[in-house]
Structures are given as C-alpha cells and as structure tokens.
Amino acid sequence: ANSLAIASVSKAGSVTFCHEEAHLVSDECGGPEFFSGSRLCPVPGRLGKMDPAALRTAIAQFPADFLHHGRPGAVSITQATEIGTVHSLEEIGRIAAVAREHDLPLHMDGARFANALVSLETTPAQMTWKAGVSLLSFGGTKNGCWCAEALICFDPALSGELAFHHKRAGQLFSKSRFVAAQFKGYLDDDHWLTMARHANAMTARLAAHIEASPHARL
C-alpha cells in the first residue's frame, strides 16, 4: 500500500520525505523507490517523528526549478511510528502545514492505525483528512486481518492514477474479494477498535512488568 500510494503521486524526479527511521525507508527493500521512481529523503526528528523545521529544511534542498537534484513530490509519516510512539493531532497538523506550504500531498503509513487511533481517543477523520492527510495506507494485518491492507485517498484529484498503479504492480490479483471481504467483519460493530484497545492494554501490561523487573530495561 505504501509503494502504491507514493507511486500514485510521484512524477519524474520526485523526492518523498519521511522520517529517517520510517518503515518506508528502512524496511521495504527499496520497494517505494522501485514502484514510484521517487527518491526517498530521510528527515530527522525525536522519537520516530519528523521535526517540522527539519522537514522544511530538507524540502528547501530540492528547489522545484533545479533539474539536477529532483523535485519535492510528497511527505510521508508513520502512525504509530516504528518505535511505537504516536503523533498527536497537533503534530500531524504541523507536518501537514509544511507539506501544504509546498503544495505536497501528505501520506500516512497506517500499518498500526487502529492502535494509534484508540491511544489518542479520537476519530479516524480527526487523525487523517481533517488533520491534512491526503492518502492513508490503512492496515488490517497487524490488528487481526490476514494480508489485508487498504489504500484510502481523501483527495479526488489524486485518485485517478491509483487504479492503474494497482493493476500494473500486480496487486489486482484474481479473487482479491476474499481478502477485501475481511474488512466488513473488521469494521462491523467497531471490532477493529476493540482489538486495538486489547492490544494496547496488553502492551501496557507487558511494559509495566518489564519496568518492575531489576533484570530488564524498557
């Protein structure tokens, strides 16, 4: 889903900005670059989150009218992050504001979207399009589904290329409806949120035991 999202908004010479520890740049074996032709530019920040000022500086290194370096194409954040931290709504908004300054779409890698959502006690809308997110990789696999991910586009202007990238990447496979059908059970009666709350509670319980142990450090 991440690779398709970045591919759908990339142009020739595009640069996608993400945190230096993001799954996009550290654990996808160059997939986003392969599928999109976009260069990934790591941006620093504490606790797995891009610093907005550092993002602004990174974008400035790629003037849109300077052919040789490439041009800014998109910004991507991970929610929750690779180290388990969660962007607050205000933090998402600040990153989105920088993206808007440069007319760049903001992609959210939501592999653990549900866990972040219940942690913030907010709504999907507040954590995505109302905060400035243009594209969401909506993960189900890490919260009870089997190989089920959805790509949600909040900006109709960006959705035109998605279907073609989906097909060209070999992701429109036969009988894919059996994978997609999982989302009905996943979303019905807020089952996905129930599972995420349980997972978060078990994580907190494990953390408490680790912190209490003289033989371990959290």
N, C-alpha and C. Protein backbone atom coordinates (compact mmCIF):
# COMPACT_ATOMS: atom_id res chain seq x y z
N ALA A 1 0.83 -1.21 0.00
CA ALA A 1 0.00 0.00 0.00
C ALA A 1 0.86 1.26 0.00
N ASN A 2 1.94 1.24 0.79
CA ASN A 2 2.82 2.41 0.82
C ASN A 2 3.41 2.69 -0.56
N SER A 3 3.91 1.65 -1.21
CA SER A 3 4.54 1.82 -2.51
C SER A 3 3.55 2.36 -3.53
N LEU A 4 2.33 1.83 -3.52
CA LEU A 4 1.32 2.30 -4.45
C LEU A 4 0.92 3.75 -4.16
N ALA A 5 0.85 4.09 -2.90
CA ALA A 5 0.50 5.46 -2.53
C ALA A 5 1.54 6.45 -3.06
N ILE A 6 2.81 6.14 -2.81
CA ILE A 6 3.87 7.04 -3.27
C ILE A 6 3.92 7.07 -4.79
N ALA A 7 3.74 5.91 -5.43
CA ALA A 7 3.76 5.86 -6.90
C ALA A 7 2.65 6.72 -7.50
N SER A 8 1.50 6.75 -6.85
CA SER A 8 0.35 7.45 -7.41
C SER A 8 0.52 8.96 -7.41
N VAL A 9 1.42 9.48 -6.57
CA VAL A 9 1.60 10.93 -6.50
C VAL A 9 2.97 11.37 -7.02
N SER A 10 3.75 10.43 -7.54
CA SER A 10 5.11 10.75 -7.98
C SER A 10 5.15 11.15 -9.45
N LYS A 11 6.03 12.08 -9.72
CA LYS A 11 6.33 12.50 -11.09
C LYS A 11 7.80 12.22 -11.35
N ALA A 12 8.25 12.45 -12.56
CA ALA A 12 9.66 12.26 -12.88
C ALA A 12 10.51 13.14 -11.96
N GLY A 13 11.49 12.52 -11.30
CA GLY A 13 12.37 13.28 -10.43
C GLY A 13 11.82 13.59 -9.06
N SER A 14 10.71 12.96 -8.68
CA SER A 14 10.08 13.26 -7.38
C SER A 14 10.95 12.81 -6.21
N VAL A 15 10.86 13.55 -5.13
CA VAL A 15 11.50 13.21 -3.86
C VAL A 15 10.42 13.12 -2.80
N THR A 16 10.39 11.99 -2.08
CA THR A 16 9.43 11.80 -0.99
C THR A 16 10.16 11.92 0.33
N PHE A 17 9.64 12.72 1.23
CA PHE A 17 10.28 12.99 2.52
C PHE A 17 9.62 12.16 3.62
N CYS A 18 10.43 11.46 4.40
CA CYS A 18 9.91 10.64 5.50
C CYS A 18 10.93 10.65 6.64
N HIS A 19 10.51 10.19 7.81
CA HIS A 19 11.43 10.13 8.94
C HIS A 19 12.56 9.15 8.65
N GLU A 20 13.71 9.40 9.20
CA GLU A 20 14.89 8.58 8.92
C GLU A 20 14.75 7.14 9.41
N GLU A 21 13.81 6.87 10.31
CA GLU A 21 13.58 5.50 10.79
C GLU A 21 12.26 4.93 10.27
N ALA A 22 11.62 5.62 9.35
CA ALA A 22 10.32 5.16 8.85
C ALA A 22 10.43 3.81 8.15
N HIS A 23 9.38 3.02 8.25
CA HIS A 23 9.32 1.73 7.57
C HIS A 23 9.56 1.92 6.08
N LEU A 24 9.06 3.00 5.55
CA LEU A 24 9.17 3.31 4.13
C LEU A 24 10.62 3.27 3.64
N VAL A 25 11.53 3.80 4.46
CA VAL A 25 12.92 3.92 4.04
C VAL A 25 13.81 2.83 4.63
N SER A 26 13.40 2.22 5.75
CA SER A 26 14.30 1.29 6.44
C SER A 26 13.93 -0.18 6.28
N ASP A 27 12.69 -0.49 5.92
CA ASP A 27 12.27 -1.89 5.94
C ASP A 27 11.46 -2.34 4.74
N GLU A 28 11.54 -1.64 3.62
CA GLU A 28 10.75 -2.06 2.46
C GLU A 28 11.63 -2.35 1.24
N CYS A 29 12.93 -2.55 1.49
CA CYS A 29 13.86 -3.05 0.47
C CYS A 29 13.83 -2.24 -0.83
N GLY A 30 13.62 -0.94 -0.70
CA GLY A 30 13.59 -0.09 -1.89
C GLY A 30 12.31 -0.18 -2.69
N GLY A 31 11.29 -0.86 -2.14
CA GLY A 31 10.02 -1.02 -2.85
C GLY A 31 9.38 0.29 -3.27
N PRO A 32 9.25 1.26 -2.37
CA PRO A 32 8.64 2.53 -2.77
C PRO A 32 9.39 3.22 -3.91
N GLU A 33 10.71 3.13 -3.88
CA GLU A 33 11.50 3.74 -4.95
C GLU A 33 11.35 2.95 -6.25
N PHE A 34 11.30 1.63 -6.14
CA PHE A 34 11.14 0.79 -7.33
C PHE A 34 9.81 1.05 -8.02
N PHE A 35 8.73 1.08 -7.26
CA PHE A 35 7.41 1.24 -7.85
C PHE A 35 7.11 2.67 -8.28
N SER A 36 7.70 3.63 -7.59
CA SER A 36 7.35 5.03 -7.86
C SER A 36 8.37 5.78 -8.70
N GLY A 37 9.62 5.32 -8.68
CA GLY A 37 10.68 6.09 -9.31
C GLY A 37 11.05 7.31 -8.50
N SER A 38 10.50 7.41 -7.29
CA SER A 38 10.73 8.55 -6.42
C SER A 38 11.91 8.27 -5.49
N ARG A 39 12.70 9.28 -5.25
CA ARG A 39 13.79 9.17 -4.28
C ARG A 39 13.24 9.42 -2.88
N LEU A 40 13.73 8.67 -1.90
CA LEU A 40 13.32 8.88 -0.52
C LEU A 40 14.37 9.73 0.19
N CYS A 41 13.93 10.75 0.87
CA CYS A 41 14.82 11.64 1.61
C CYS A 41 14.52 11.52 3.10
N PRO A 42 15.42 10.91 3.88
CA PRO A 42 15.20 10.76 5.33
C PRO A 42 15.30 12.11 6.04
N VAL A 43 14.39 12.33 6.98
CA VAL A 43 14.35 13.58 7.74
C VAL A 43 14.47 13.24 9.22
N PRO A 44 15.32 13.93 9.98
CA PRO A 44 15.48 13.61 11.40
C PRO A 44 14.33 14.12 12.25
N GLY A 45 14.31 13.62 13.48
CA GLY A 45 13.30 14.04 14.44
C GLY A 45 13.32 13.10 15.63
N ARG A 46 12.93 13.58 16.78
CA ARG A 46 12.93 12.78 18.00
C ARG A 46 11.79 11.78 18.02
N LEU A 47 12.07 10.64 18.64
CA LEU A 47 11.05 9.63 18.93
C LEU A 47 10.30 9.15 17.69
N GLY A 48 11.01 9.03 16.58
CA GLY A 48 10.41 8.49 15.37
C GLY A 48 9.53 9.44 14.59
N LYS A 49 9.52 10.72 14.98
CA LYS A 49 8.65 11.70 14.32
C LYS A 49 9.48 12.79 13.64
N MET A 50 9.10 13.11 12.42
CA MET A 50 9.79 14.19 11.71
C MET A 50 9.64 15.51 12.43
N ASP A 51 10.74 16.23 12.52
CA ASP A 51 10.68 17.59 13.04
C ASP A 51 10.23 18.52 11.91
N PRO A 52 9.16 19.29 12.10
CA PRO A 52 8.66 20.15 11.02
C PRO A 52 9.72 21.11 10.47
N ALA A 53 10.56 21.66 11.34
CA ALA A 53 11.60 22.57 10.88
C ALA A 53 12.62 21.83 10.02
N ALA A 54 12.97 20.61 10.43
CA ALA A 54 13.91 19.80 9.65
C ALA A 54 13.29 19.41 8.31
N LEU A 55 11.99 19.16 8.31
CA LEU A 55 11.30 18.85 7.06
C LEU A 55 11.35 20.05 6.11
N ARG A 56 11.10 21.22 6.65
CA ARG A 56 11.13 22.43 5.83
C ARG A 56 12.54 22.64 5.23
N THR A 57 13.56 22.38 6.04
CA THR A 57 14.94 22.50 5.57
C THR A 57 15.24 21.48 4.48
N ALA A 58 14.77 20.25 4.67
CA ALA A 58 15.01 19.19 3.68
C ALA A 58 14.35 19.53 2.35
N ILE A 59 13.12 20.02 2.41
CA ILE A 59 12.41 20.37 1.17
C ILE A 59 13.14 21.48 0.43
N ALA A 60 13.70 22.42 1.19
CA ALA A 60 14.40 23.56 0.58
C ALA A 60 15.64 23.14 -0.19
N GLN A 61 16.16 21.95 0.09
CA GLN A 61 17.34 21.45 -0.62
C GLN A 61 17.01 20.99 -2.04
N PHE A 62 15.72 20.95 -2.36
CA PHE A 62 15.30 20.48 -3.68
C PHE A 62 14.41 21.53 -4.35
N PRO A 63 15.01 22.64 -4.81
CA PRO A 63 14.22 23.66 -5.50
C PRO A 63 13.53 23.06 -6.72
N ALA A 64 12.27 23.34 -6.87
CA ALA A 64 11.48 22.72 -7.95
C ALA A 64 12.01 23.08 -9.33
N ASP A 65 12.72 24.21 -9.43
CA ASP A 65 13.20 24.64 -10.74
C ASP A 65 14.65 24.25 -11.00
N PHE A 66 15.24 23.44 -10.08
CA PHE A 66 16.62 22.99 -10.28
C PHE A 66 16.59 21.52 -10.68
N LEU A 67 16.81 21.28 -11.94
CA LEU A 67 16.60 19.96 -12.55
C LEU A 67 17.43 18.85 -11.92
N HIS A 68 18.67 19.14 -11.54
CA HIS A 68 19.63 18.08 -11.22
C HIS A 68 19.35 17.36 -9.89
N HIS A 69 18.77 18.04 -8.94
CA HIS A 69 18.55 17.43 -7.63
C HIS A 69 17.24 16.65 -7.52
N GLY A 70 16.33 16.88 -8.44
CA GLY A 70 14.99 16.33 -8.30
C GLY A 70 14.07 17.38 -7.71
N ARG A 71 12.80 17.03 -7.57
CA ARG A 71 11.81 18.00 -7.07
C ARG A 71 10.94 17.36 -5.99
N PRO A 72 10.52 18.15 -5.01
CA PRO A 72 9.66 17.62 -3.95
C PRO A 72 8.39 17.01 -4.52
N GLY A 73 8.03 15.81 -4.01
CA GLY A 73 6.85 15.13 -4.53
C GLY A 73 5.80 14.80 -3.49
N ALA A 74 6.24 14.42 -2.27
CA ALA A 74 5.28 14.03 -1.23
C ALA A 74 5.98 13.99 0.12
N VAL A 75 5.16 13.97 1.17
CA VAL A 75 5.64 13.79 2.54
C VAL A 75 4.91 12.58 3.10
N SER A 76 5.63 11.74 3.85
CA SER A 76 5.01 10.54 4.43
C SER A 76 5.33 10.45 5.91
N ILE A 77 4.32 10.17 6.73
CA ILE A 77 4.52 9.93 8.16
C ILE A 77 3.99 8.55 8.51
N THR A 78 4.47 8.00 9.63
CA THR A 78 4.05 6.68 10.08
C THR A 78 3.28 6.82 11.38
N GLN A 79 2.09 6.23 11.46
CA GLN A 79 1.21 6.38 12.62
C GLN A 79 0.61 5.03 12.99
N ALA A 80 1.03 4.38 14.07
CA ALA A 80 2.08 4.77 15.00
C ALA A 80 3.45 4.56 14.37
N THR A 81 4.49 5.15 14.98
CA THR A 81 5.81 5.12 14.39
C THR A 81 6.47 3.75 14.55
N GLU A 82 7.65 3.62 13.95
CA GLU A 82 8.39 2.37 14.01
C GLU A 82 8.85 2.03 15.43
N ILE A 83 8.93 3.04 16.30
CA ILE A 83 9.38 2.76 17.67
C ILE A 83 8.21 2.78 18.65
N GLY A 84 6.99 2.83 18.13
CA GLY A 84 5.82 2.72 18.99
C GLY A 84 5.26 4.02 19.52
N THR A 85 5.85 5.14 19.13
CA THR A 85 5.29 6.42 19.55
C THR A 85 4.15 6.82 18.63
N VAL A 86 3.35 7.77 19.08
CA VAL A 86 2.17 8.19 18.33
C VAL A 86 2.21 9.69 18.09
N HIS A 87 1.98 10.09 16.84
CA HIS A 87 1.86 11.52 16.53
C HIS A 87 0.55 12.04 17.12
N SER A 88 0.61 13.12 17.86
CA SER A 88 -0.61 13.78 18.31
C SER A 88 -1.26 14.47 17.11
N LEU A 89 -2.53 14.86 17.27
CA LEU A 89 -3.20 15.57 16.19
C LEU A 89 -2.47 16.87 15.85
N GLU A 90 -1.95 17.52 16.87
CA GLU A 90 -1.22 18.77 16.65
C GLU A 90 0.06 18.52 15.87
N GLU A 91 0.74 17.42 16.17
CA GLU A 91 1.98 17.10 15.45
C GLU A 91 1.70 16.77 13.99
N ILE A 92 0.63 16.03 13.74
CA ILE A 92 0.24 15.76 12.35
C ILE A 92 -0.07 17.07 11.63
N GLY A 93 -0.79 17.94 12.31
CA GLY A 93 -1.17 19.22 11.72
C GLY A 93 0.03 20.08 11.37
N ARG A 94 1.06 20.06 12.22
CA ARG A 94 2.25 20.88 11.94
C ARG A 94 3.01 20.35 10.72
N ILE A 95 3.09 19.02 10.60
CA ILE A 95 3.76 18.44 9.43
C ILE A 95 2.93 18.70 8.18
N ALA A 96 1.61 18.57 8.31
CA ALA A 96 0.72 18.84 7.17
C ALA A 96 0.84 20.28 6.71
N ALA A 97 1.04 21.19 7.65
CA ALA A 97 1.16 22.61 7.29
C ALA A 97 2.40 22.85 6.43
N VAL A 98 3.50 22.18 6.78
CA VAL A 98 4.72 22.30 5.97
C VAL A 98 4.48 21.72 4.58
N ALA A 99 3.81 20.58 4.52
CA ALA A 99 3.50 19.97 3.22
C ALA A 99 2.65 20.91 2.37
N ARG A 100 1.66 21.55 3.00
CA ARG A 100 0.78 22.48 2.26
C ARG A 100 1.55 23.69 1.75
N GLU A 101 2.51 24.16 2.54
CA GLU A 101 3.32 25.31 2.11
C GLU A 101 3.96 25.06 0.75
N HIS A 102 4.27 23.78 0.49
CA HIS A 102 4.97 23.42 -0.74
C HIS A 102 4.08 22.65 -1.70
N ASP A 103 2.77 22.66 -1.43
CA ASP A 103 1.79 22.00 -2.29
C ASP A 103 2.11 20.52 -2.47
N LEU A 104 2.46 19.85 -1.36
CA LEU A 104 2.80 18.43 -1.39
C LEU A 104 1.73 17.60 -0.69
N PRO A 105 1.34 16.46 -1.25
CA PRO A 105 0.40 15.59 -0.55
C PRO A 105 1.06 14.95 0.66
N LEU A 106 0.27 14.72 1.69
CA LEU A 106 0.76 14.05 2.91
C LEU A 106 0.20 12.64 2.96
N HIS A 107 1.10 11.66 2.97
CA HIS A 107 0.72 10.26 3.07
C HIS A 107 0.92 9.78 4.50
N MET A 108 0.00 8.96 4.99
CA MET A 108 0.14 8.36 6.31
C MET A 108 0.25 6.84 6.17
N ASP A 109 1.35 6.28 6.66
CA ASP A 109 1.51 4.84 6.75
C ASP A 109 0.80 4.40 8.01
N GLY A 110 -0.38 3.81 7.84
CA GLY A 110 -1.20 3.42 8.99
C GLY A 110 -1.21 1.93 9.23
N ALA A 111 -0.04 1.29 9.17
CA ALA A 111 0.02 -0.14 9.45
C ALA A 111 -0.55 -0.45 10.83
N ARG A 112 -0.31 0.47 11.77
CA ARG A 112 -0.85 0.32 13.14
C ARG A 112 -1.82 1.47 13.43
N PHE A 113 -2.59 1.81 12.43
CA PHE A 113 -3.52 2.94 12.51
C PHE A 113 -4.48 2.80 13.69
N ALA A 114 -5.06 1.62 13.86
CA ALA A 114 -6.06 1.42 14.91
C ALA A 114 -5.47 1.63 16.29
N ASN A 115 -4.25 1.14 16.50
CA ASN A 115 -3.61 1.28 17.81
C ASN A 115 -3.36 2.75 18.14
N ALA A 116 -2.93 3.51 17.13
CA ALA A 116 -2.72 4.94 17.34
C ALA A 116 -4.03 5.66 17.62
N LEU A 117 -5.06 5.27 16.88
CA LEU A 117 -6.36 5.94 17.00
C LEU A 117 -6.94 5.79 18.40
N VAL A 118 -6.95 4.57 18.93
CA VAL A 118 -7.54 4.38 20.26
C VAL A 118 -6.65 4.98 21.34
N SER A 119 -5.35 5.04 21.08
CA SER A 119 -4.45 5.67 22.03
C SER A 119 -4.76 7.15 22.18
N LEU A 120 -5.10 7.80 21.07
CA LEU A 120 -5.41 9.23 21.09
C LEU A 120 -6.86 9.51 21.47
N GLU A 121 -7.69 8.47 21.48
CA GLU A 121 -9.12 8.61 21.78
C GLU A 121 -9.75 9.66 20.87
N THR A 122 -9.50 9.51 19.58
CA THR A 122 -10.03 10.45 18.60
C THR A 122 -10.78 9.68 17.53
N THR A 123 -11.13 10.34 16.43
CA THR A 123 -11.86 9.69 15.35
C THR A 123 -10.94 9.53 14.13
N PRO A 124 -11.27 8.58 13.24
CA PRO A 124 -10.46 8.44 12.02
C PRO A 124 -10.37 9.74 11.22
N ALA A 125 -11.48 10.47 11.14
CA ALA A 125 -11.47 11.73 10.39
C ALA A 125 -10.52 12.74 11.00
N GLN A 126 -10.55 12.87 12.33
CA GLN A 126 -9.69 13.84 13.00
C GLN A 126 -8.22 13.51 12.82
N MET A 127 -7.90 12.22 12.70
CA MET A 127 -6.50 11.82 12.60
C MET A 127 -6.01 11.76 11.16
N THR A 128 -6.91 11.97 10.20
CA THR A 128 -6.50 11.87 8.79
C THR A 128 -6.83 13.16 8.03
N TRP A 129 -7.93 13.15 7.29
CA TRP A 129 -8.18 14.26 6.37
C TRP A 129 -8.41 15.59 7.07
N LYS A 130 -8.98 15.57 8.27
CA LYS A 130 -9.17 16.84 8.99
C LYS A 130 -7.85 17.41 9.49
N ALA A 131 -6.84 16.54 9.60
CA ALA A 131 -5.51 16.98 10.03
C ALA A 131 -4.61 17.31 8.84
N GLY A 132 -5.10 17.05 7.62
CA GLY A 132 -4.32 17.38 6.44
C GLY A 132 -3.75 16.21 5.68
N VAL A 133 -4.16 14.98 6.02
CA VAL A 133 -3.65 13.79 5.33
C VAL A 133 -4.38 13.61 4.00
N SER A 134 -3.63 13.33 2.94
CA SER A 134 -4.20 13.14 1.61
C SER A 134 -4.41 11.67 1.26
N LEU A 135 -3.49 10.81 1.72
CA LEU A 135 -3.53 9.38 1.41
C LEU A 135 -3.25 8.59 2.68
N LEU A 136 -3.98 7.49 2.86
CA LEU A 136 -3.79 6.64 4.04
C LEU A 136 -3.60 5.20 3.62
N SER A 137 -2.49 4.60 4.05
CA SER A 137 -2.33 3.15 3.97
C SER A 137 -2.97 2.58 5.23
N PHE A 138 -4.17 2.04 5.07
CA PHE A 138 -4.97 1.58 6.21
C PHE A 138 -4.69 0.10 6.46
N GLY A 139 -3.96 -0.16 7.52
CA GLY A 139 -3.52 -1.52 7.80
C GLY A 139 -4.51 -2.33 8.61
N GLY A 140 -4.72 -3.57 8.19
CA GLY A 140 -5.52 -4.51 8.96
C GLY A 140 -4.72 -5.70 9.44
N THR A 141 -3.61 -5.98 8.76
CA THR A 141 -2.83 -7.19 9.01
C THR A 141 -2.27 -7.24 10.43
N LYS A 142 -1.86 -6.11 10.97
CA LYS A 142 -1.26 -6.09 12.31
C LYS A 142 -2.32 -5.97 13.41
N ASN A 143 -3.59 -6.07 13.01
CA ASN A 143 -4.65 -5.93 14.01
C ASN A 143 -5.75 -6.97 13.80
N GLY A 144 -5.37 -8.15 13.28
CA GLY A 144 -6.33 -9.24 13.21
C GLY A 144 -6.69 -9.74 11.83
N CYS A 145 -6.39 -8.97 10.78
CA CYS A 145 -6.70 -9.42 9.41
C CYS A 145 -5.57 -10.27 8.86
N TRP A 146 -5.84 -10.90 7.73
CA TRP A 146 -4.83 -11.71 7.05
C TRP A 146 -4.50 -11.05 5.71
N CYS A 147 -3.28 -10.48 5.63
CA CYS A 147 -2.80 -9.86 4.38
C CYS A 147 -3.77 -8.82 3.83
N ALA A 148 -4.43 -8.09 4.68
CA ALA A 148 -5.44 -7.12 4.22
C ALA A 148 -5.01 -5.70 4.53
N GLU A 149 -4.75 -4.95 3.48
CA GLU A 149 -4.41 -3.54 3.59
C GLU A 149 -5.29 -2.78 2.60
N ALA A 150 -5.67 -1.58 2.94
CA ALA A 150 -6.47 -0.74 2.04
C ALA A 150 -5.76 0.59 1.84
N LEU A 151 -5.88 1.13 0.66
CA LEU A 151 -5.32 2.45 0.37
C LEU A 151 -6.48 3.42 0.18
N ILE A 152 -6.56 4.41 1.06
CA ILE A 152 -7.67 5.36 1.06
C ILE A 152 -7.16 6.72 0.60
N CYS A 153 -7.82 7.27 -0.40
CA CYS A 153 -7.43 8.57 -0.94
C CYS A 153 -8.50 9.60 -0.57
N PHE A 154 -8.10 10.64 0.16
CA PHE A 154 -9.04 11.66 0.61
C PHE A 154 -9.15 12.83 -0.37
N ASP A 155 -8.27 12.86 -1.35
CA ASP A 155 -8.26 13.93 -2.34
C ASP A 155 -8.60 13.36 -3.71
N PRO A 156 -9.81 13.63 -4.22
CA PRO A 156 -10.21 13.06 -5.51
C PRO A 156 -9.23 13.38 -6.64
N ALA A 157 -8.54 14.50 -6.53
CA ALA A 157 -7.59 14.88 -7.58
C ALA A 157 -6.40 13.94 -7.66
N LEU A 158 -6.16 13.19 -6.58
CA LEU A 158 -5.01 12.28 -6.55
C LEU A 158 -5.39 10.84 -6.87
N SER A 159 -6.67 10.56 -6.98
CA SER A 159 -7.11 9.16 -7.08
C SER A 159 -7.07 8.60 -8.50
N GLY A 160 -6.93 9.46 -9.50
CA GLY A 160 -7.03 9.00 -10.88
C GLY A 160 -6.02 7.95 -11.29
N GLU A 161 -4.80 8.04 -10.77
CA GLU A 161 -3.74 7.12 -11.17
C GLU A 161 -3.72 5.84 -10.34
N LEU A 162 -4.41 5.84 -9.22
CA LEU A 162 -4.30 4.72 -8.29
C LEU A 162 -4.67 3.38 -8.91
N ALA A 163 -5.78 3.32 -9.60
CA ALA A 163 -6.25 2.05 -10.17
C ALA A 163 -5.23 1.48 -11.15
N PHE A 164 -4.59 2.35 -11.92
CA PHE A 164 -3.62 1.87 -12.90
C PHE A 164 -2.34 1.37 -12.23
N HIS A 165 -1.90 2.07 -11.20
CA HIS A 165 -0.73 1.59 -10.45
C HIS A 165 -1.04 0.28 -9.74
N HIS A 166 -2.24 0.17 -9.22
CA HIS A 166 -2.68 -1.05 -8.55
C HIS A 166 -2.58 -2.25 -9.49
N LYS A 167 -3.09 -2.07 -10.70
CA LYS A 167 -3.07 -3.14 -11.69
C LYS A 167 -1.65 -3.43 -12.16
N ARG A 168 -0.90 -2.39 -12.49
CA ARG A 168 0.44 -2.56 -13.04
C ARG A 168 1.39 -3.23 -12.05
N ALA A 169 1.16 -3.00 -10.76
CA ALA A 169 2.03 -3.58 -9.73
C ALA A 169 1.72 -5.04 -9.44
N GLY A 170 0.70 -5.59 -10.10
CA GLY A 170 0.34 -6.99 -9.86
C GLY A 170 -0.45 -7.20 -8.59
N GLN A 171 -1.04 -6.13 -8.06
CA GLN A 171 -1.79 -6.23 -6.81
C GLN A 171 -3.29 -6.46 -7.02
N LEU A 172 -3.74 -6.38 -8.27
CA LEU A 172 -5.15 -6.66 -8.55
C LEU A 172 -5.28 -8.13 -8.95
N PHE A 173 -5.03 -8.99 -7.98
CA PHE A 173 -4.98 -10.42 -8.30
C PHE A 173 -6.37 -11.05 -8.27
N SER A 174 -6.48 -12.19 -8.91
CA SER A 174 -7.76 -12.89 -9.01
C SER A 174 -8.30 -13.25 -7.63
N LYS A 175 -9.58 -13.11 -7.46
CA LYS A 175 -10.29 -13.45 -6.21
C LYS A 175 -9.85 -12.57 -5.03
N SER A 176 -9.38 -11.37 -5.32
CA SER A 176 -8.95 -10.49 -4.24
C SER A 176 -10.12 -10.08 -3.34
N ARG A 177 -11.34 -10.33 -3.81
CA ARG A 177 -12.50 -10.00 -2.98
C ARG A 177 -12.50 -10.78 -1.67
N PHE A 178 -11.83 -11.95 -1.66
CA PHE A 178 -11.80 -12.72 -0.42
C PHE A 178 -10.90 -12.07 0.62
N VAL A 179 -9.92 -11.31 0.17
CA VAL A 179 -9.10 -10.52 1.08
C VAL A 179 -9.88 -9.28 1.52
N ALA A 180 -10.47 -8.59 0.54
CA ALA A 180 -11.20 -7.36 0.84
C ALA A 180 -12.39 -7.60 1.76
N ALA A 181 -13.01 -8.79 1.65
CA ALA A 181 -14.19 -9.09 2.46
C ALA A 181 -13.90 -9.07 3.95
N GLN A 182 -12.64 -9.25 4.31
CA GLN A 182 -12.30 -9.22 5.74
C GLN A 182 -12.65 -7.89 6.39
N PHE A 183 -12.61 -6.83 5.60
CA PHE A 183 -12.83 -5.52 6.18
C PHE A 183 -14.26 -5.34 6.70
N LYS A 184 -15.20 -6.09 6.16
CA LYS A 184 -16.57 -5.98 6.69
C LYS A 184 -16.61 -6.44 8.14
N GLY A 185 -16.08 -7.64 8.39
CA GLY A 185 -16.05 -8.13 9.76
C GLY A 185 -15.14 -7.31 10.65
N TYR A 186 -14.09 -6.79 10.06
CA TYR A 186 -13.12 -5.99 10.80
C TYR A 186 -13.75 -4.69 11.31
N LEU A 187 -14.55 -4.06 10.45
CA LEU A 187 -15.11 -2.75 10.79
C LEU A 187 -16.47 -2.83 11.48
N ASP A 188 -17.22 -3.90 11.23
CA ASP A 188 -18.55 -4.03 11.84
C ASP A 188 -18.48 -3.91 13.36
N ASP A 189 -19.40 -3.16 13.92
CA ASP A 189 -19.51 -3.01 15.38
C ASP A 189 -18.21 -2.54 16.02
N ASP A 190 -17.38 -1.84 15.25
CA ASP A 190 -16.09 -1.32 15.75
C ASP A 190 -15.19 -2.43 16.30
N HIS A 191 -15.28 -3.61 15.66
CA HIS A 191 -14.46 -4.74 16.11
C HIS A 191 -12.98 -4.40 16.04
N TRP A 192 -12.59 -3.64 15.01
CA TRP A 192 -11.18 -3.28 14.85
C TRP A 192 -10.67 -2.44 16.01
N LEU A 193 -11.54 -1.58 16.56
CA LEU A 193 -11.14 -0.75 17.69
C LEU A 193 -11.08 -1.56 18.98
N THR A 194 -11.98 -2.53 19.11
CA THR A 194 -11.95 -3.41 20.28
C THR A 194 -10.64 -4.18 20.33
N MET A 195 -10.23 -4.72 19.18
CA MET A 195 -8.97 -5.48 19.14
C MET A 195 -7.77 -4.58 19.41
N ALA A 196 -7.81 -3.36 18.90
CA ALA A 196 -6.69 -2.44 19.11
C ALA A 196 -6.59 -2.04 20.58
N ARG A 197 -7.72 -1.81 21.23
CA ARG A 197 -7.69 -1.46 22.65
C ARG A 197 -7.12 -2.61 23.47
N HIS A 198 -7.49 -3.84 23.11
CA HIS A 198 -6.96 -5.01 23.82
C HIS A 198 -5.45 -5.10 23.62
N ALA A 199 -4.99 -4.92 22.38
CA ALA A 199 -3.56 -4.98 22.10
C ALA A 199 -2.80 -3.91 22.87
N ASN A 200 -3.34 -2.70 22.91
CA ASN A 200 -2.68 -1.62 23.65
C ASN A 200 -2.63 -1.91 25.14
N ALA A 201 -3.72 -2.49 25.67
CA ALA A 201 -3.76 -2.83 27.09
C ALA A 201 -2.72 -3.89 27.43
N MET A 202 -2.58 -4.89 26.55
CA MET A 202 -1.59 -5.94 26.79
C MET A 202 -0.17 -5.38 26.69
N THR A 203 0.02 -4.43 25.79
CA THR A 203 1.33 -3.79 25.67
C THR A 203 1.68 -3.03 26.94
N ALA A 204 0.71 -2.30 27.46
CA ALA A 204 0.93 -1.55 28.70
C ALA A 204 1.21 -2.49 29.87
N ARG A 205 0.52 -3.61 29.88
CA ARG A 205 0.73 -4.60 30.95
C ARG A 205 2.14 -5.18 30.87
N LEU A 206 2.58 -5.51 29.66
CA LEU A 206 3.93 -6.04 29.47
C LEU A 206 4.97 -5.00 29.87
N ALA A 207 4.74 -3.75 29.47
CA ALA A 207 5.68 -2.69 29.80
C ALA A 207 5.81 -2.51 31.31
N ALA A 208 4.69 -2.61 32.02
CA ALA A 208 4.71 -2.47 33.48
C ALA A 208 5.56 -3.55 34.13
N HIS A 209 5.45 -4.78 33.64
CA HIS A 209 6.24 -5.88 34.19
C HIS A 209 7.73 -5.71 33.88
N ILE A 210 8.03 -5.23 32.68
CA ILE A 210 9.44 -5.01 32.32
C ILE A 210 10.03 -3.92 33.20
N GLU A 211 9.28 -2.83 33.39
CA GLU A 211 9.77 -1.72 34.21
C GLU A 211 9.99 -2.14 35.66
N ALA A 212 9.17 -3.08 36.13
CA ALA A 212 9.27 -3.52 37.52
C ALA A 212 10.40 -4.52 37.74
N SER A 213 10.94 -5.06 36.68
CA SER A 213 11.97 -6.09 36.81
C SER A 213 13.36 -5.46 36.95
N PRO A 214 14.16 -5.96 37.91
CA PRO A 214 15.53 -5.45 38.05
C PRO A 214 16.46 -6.00 36.97
N HIS A 215 15.97 -6.96 36.19
CA HIS A 215 16.81 -7.62 35.20
C HIS A 215 16.53 -7.14 33.77
N ALA A 216 15.70 -6.14 33.63
CA ALA A 216 15.35 -5.66 32.29
C ALA A 216 15.23 -4.14 32.29
N ARG A 217 15.33 -3.57 31.12
CA ARG A 217 15.21 -2.13 30.97
C ARG A 217 14.31 -1.83 29.78
N LEU A 218 13.36 -0.94 29.97
CA LEU A 218 12.42 -0.59 28.91
C LEU A 218 12.91 0.64 28.17
